[in-house]
Amino acid sequence: MVRLPLTPAQLEAGRRLGAALRTARDGRDPVEVAASAGISPETLRKIESGRLPTPAFGTVVALSRTLDISLDELAEIWHPGDAEQRSAS
């Protein structure tokens, strides 16, 4: 199966996600954070820089737990406005 290219919106969402994770890391050693999440430091760098805009769900879960940031918060960063739309329904 051929993967379709990411849209500009998906690329921007990946940049927002990476920036949020970098902020949540709050100066912690990236090697330690990556090891705790079970990923390589290079993968963490790619996610934080936006070069890996759509990390695997399991990776996002591991990072959310390691950095103590909720999946709901990360979902809102990925796609702003979803929470308001759900509560309005």
C-alpha atoms as a PDB file:
ATOM      1  CA  MET A   1       0.000   0.000   0.000  1.00  0.00           C
ATOM      2  CA  VAL A   2       1.317   3.427  -0.920  1.00  0.00           C
ATOM      3  CA  ARG A   3       1.103   6.083   1.759  1.00  0.00           C
ATOM      4  CA  LEU A   4      -0.347   9.377   0.584  1.00  0.00           C
ATOM      5  CA  PRO A   5       1.757  12.489   1.173  1.00  0.00           C
ATOM      6  CA  LEU A   6       0.890  14.428   4.303  1.00  0.00           C
ATOM      7  CA  THR A   7      -1.190  17.534   3.891  1.00  0.00           C
ATOM      8  CA  PRO A   8       0.107  20.956   4.983  1.00  0.00           C
ATOM      9  CA  ALA A   9      -2.365  20.793   7.892  1.00  0.00           C
ATOM     10  CA  GLN A  10      -0.924  17.446   9.037  1.00  0.00           C
ATOM     11  CA  LEU A  11       2.623  18.793   8.793  1.00  0.00           C
ATOM     12  CA  GLU A  12       1.647  21.828  10.886  1.00  0.00           C
ATOM     13  CA  ALA A  13      -0.084  19.584  13.434  1.00  0.00           C
ATOM     14  CA  GLY A  14       3.131  17.573  13.709  1.00  0.00           C
ATOM     15  CA  ARG A  15       5.113  20.750  14.356  1.00  0.00           C
ATOM     16  CA  ARG A  16       2.653  21.751  17.107  1.00  0.00           C
ATOM     17  CA  LEU A  17       2.835  18.288  18.650  1.00  0.00           C
ATOM     18  CA  GLY A  18       6.638  18.304  18.591  1.00  0.00           C
ATOM     19  CA  ALA A  19       6.810  21.761  20.151  1.00  0.00           C
ATOM     20  CA  ALA A  20       4.394  20.734  22.907  1.00  0.00           C
ATOM     21  CA  LEU A  21       6.403  17.620  23.707  1.00  0.00           C
ATOM     22  CA  ARG A  22       9.645  19.621  23.743  1.00  0.00           C
ATOM     23  CA  THR A  23       8.027  22.112  26.145  1.00  0.00           C
ATOM     24  CA  ALA A  24       6.721  19.283  28.352  1.00  0.00           C
ATOM     25  CA  ARG A  25      10.226  17.797  28.473  1.00  0.00           C
ATOM     26  CA  ASP A  26      11.165  21.038  30.259  1.00  0.00           C
ATOM     27  CA  GLY A  27      14.937  20.687  30.031  1.00  0.00           C
ATOM     28  CA  ARG A  28      15.026  16.999  30.943  1.00  0.00           C
ATOM     29  CA  ASP A  29      17.769  15.098  29.173  1.00  0.00           C
ATOM     30  CA  PRO A  30      16.351  13.918  25.835  1.00  0.00           C
ATOM     31  CA  VAL A  31      18.325  10.661  26.033  1.00  0.00           C
ATOM     32  CA  GLU A  32      16.706   9.839  29.382  1.00  0.00           C
ATOM     33  CA  VAL A  33      13.234  10.811  28.152  1.00  0.00           C
ATOM     34  CA  ALA A  34      13.635   8.699  25.020  1.00  0.00           C
ATOM     35  CA  ALA A  35      14.868   5.697  27.015  1.00  0.00           C
ATOM     36  CA  SER A  36      11.965   6.031  29.452  1.00  0.00           C
ATOM     37  CA  ALA A  37       9.510   6.133  26.537  1.00  0.00           C
ATOM     38  CA  GLY A  38      11.175   3.184  24.815  1.00  0.00           C
ATOM     39  CA  ILE A  39      12.216   5.115  21.718  1.00  0.00           C
ATOM     40  CA  SER A  40      15.546   6.228  20.344  1.00  0.00           C
ATOM     41  CA  PRO A  41      16.875   9.720  21.045  1.00  0.00           C
ATOM     42  CA  GLU A  42      16.884  10.303  17.271  1.00  0.00           C
ATOM     43  CA  THR A  43      13.175   9.499  17.084  1.00  0.00           C
ATOM     44  CA  LEU A  44      12.496  11.956  19.901  1.00  0.00           C
ATOM     45  CA  ARG A  45      14.538  14.626  18.092  1.00  0.00           C
ATOM     46  CA  LYS A  46      12.604  14.016  14.877  1.00  0.00           C
ATOM     47  CA  ILE A  47       9.254  14.277  16.658  1.00  0.00           C
ATOM     48  CA  GLU A  48      10.229  17.418  18.555  1.00  0.00           C
ATOM     49  CA  SER A  49      11.562  19.105  15.434  1.00  0.00           C
ATOM     50  CA  GLY A  50       8.503  18.208  13.357  1.00  0.00           C
ATOM     51  CA  ARG A  51      10.503  15.995  10.976  1.00  0.00           C
ATOM     52  CA  LEU A  52       8.356  13.053  12.122  1.00  0.00           C
ATOM     53  CA  PRO A  53       4.919  14.711  12.106  1.00  0.00           C
ATOM     54  CA  THR A  54       2.832  11.548  12.531  1.00  0.00           C
ATOM     55  CA  PRO A  55       4.493   9.334  15.141  1.00  0.00           C
ATOM     56  CA  ALA A  56       2.919   5.989  15.946  1.00  0.00           C
ATOM     57  CA  PHE A  57       0.121   6.050  18.509  1.00  0.00           C
ATOM     58  CA  GLY A  58       2.108   3.853  20.896  1.00  0.00           C
ATOM     59  CA  THR A  59       4.982   6.328  20.737  1.00  0.00           C
ATOM     60  CA  VAL A  60       2.670   9.219  21.576  1.00  0.00           C
ATOM     61  CA  VAL A  61       1.196   7.233  24.486  1.00  0.00           C
ATOM     62  CA  ALA A  62       4.661   6.412  25.840  1.00  0.00           C
ATOM     63  CA  LEU A  63       5.769  10.037  25.576  1.00  0.00           C
ATOM     64  CA  SER A  64       2.571  11.282  27.209  1.00  0.00           C
ATOM     65  CA  ARG A  65       3.177   8.990  30.171  1.00  0.00           C
ATOM     66  CA  THR A  66       6.867   9.788  30.407  1.00  0.00           C
ATOM     67  CA  LEU A  67       6.257  13.536  30.233  1.00  0.00           C
ATOM     68  CA  ASP A  68       3.065  13.479  32.327  1.00  0.00           C
ATOM     69  CA  ILE A  69       0.965  15.154  29.651  1.00  0.00           C
ATOM     70  CA  SER A  70      -2.507  13.810  28.943  1.00  0.00           C
ATOM     71  CA  LEU A  71      -3.494  12.294  25.629  1.00  0.00           C
ATOM     72  CA  ASP A  72      -6.483  14.669  25.612  1.00  0.00           C
ATOM     73  CA  GLU A  73      -4.117  17.627  25.792  1.00  0.00           C
ATOM     74  CA  LEU A  74      -1.977  16.227  22.983  1.00  0.00           C
ATOM     75  CA  ALA A  75      -5.092  15.536  20.901  1.00  0.00           C
ATOM     76  CA  GLU A  76      -6.188  19.158  21.354  1.00  0.00           C
ATOM     77  CA  ILE A  77      -2.742  20.332  20.259  1.00  0.00           C
ATOM     78  CA  TRP A  78      -2.900  18.051  17.221  1.00  0.00           C
ATOM     79  CA  HIS A  79      -6.378  19.179  16.198  1.00  0.00           C
ATOM     80  CA  PRO A  80      -7.479  22.375  18.010  1.00  0.00           C
ATOM     81  CA  GLY A  81     -11.190  22.820  18.453  1.00  0.00           C
ATOM     82  CA  ASP A  82     -12.177  19.144  18.630  1.00  0.00           C
ATOM     83  CA  ALA A  83     -13.005  19.341  22.350  1.00  0.00           C
ATOM     84  CA  GLU A  84     -15.396  22.237  21.847  1.00  0.00           C
ATOM     85  CA  GLN A  85     -17.078  20.479  18.927  1.00  0.00           C
ATOM     86  CA  ARG A  86     -17.603  17.295  20.981  1.00  0.00           C
ATOM     87  CA  SER A  87     -19.037  19.143  23.987  1.00  0.00           C
ATOM     88  CA  ALA A  88     -21.406  21.121  21.736  1.00  0.00           C
ATOM     89  CA  SER A  89     -22.875  17.900  20.284  1.00  0.00           C
END
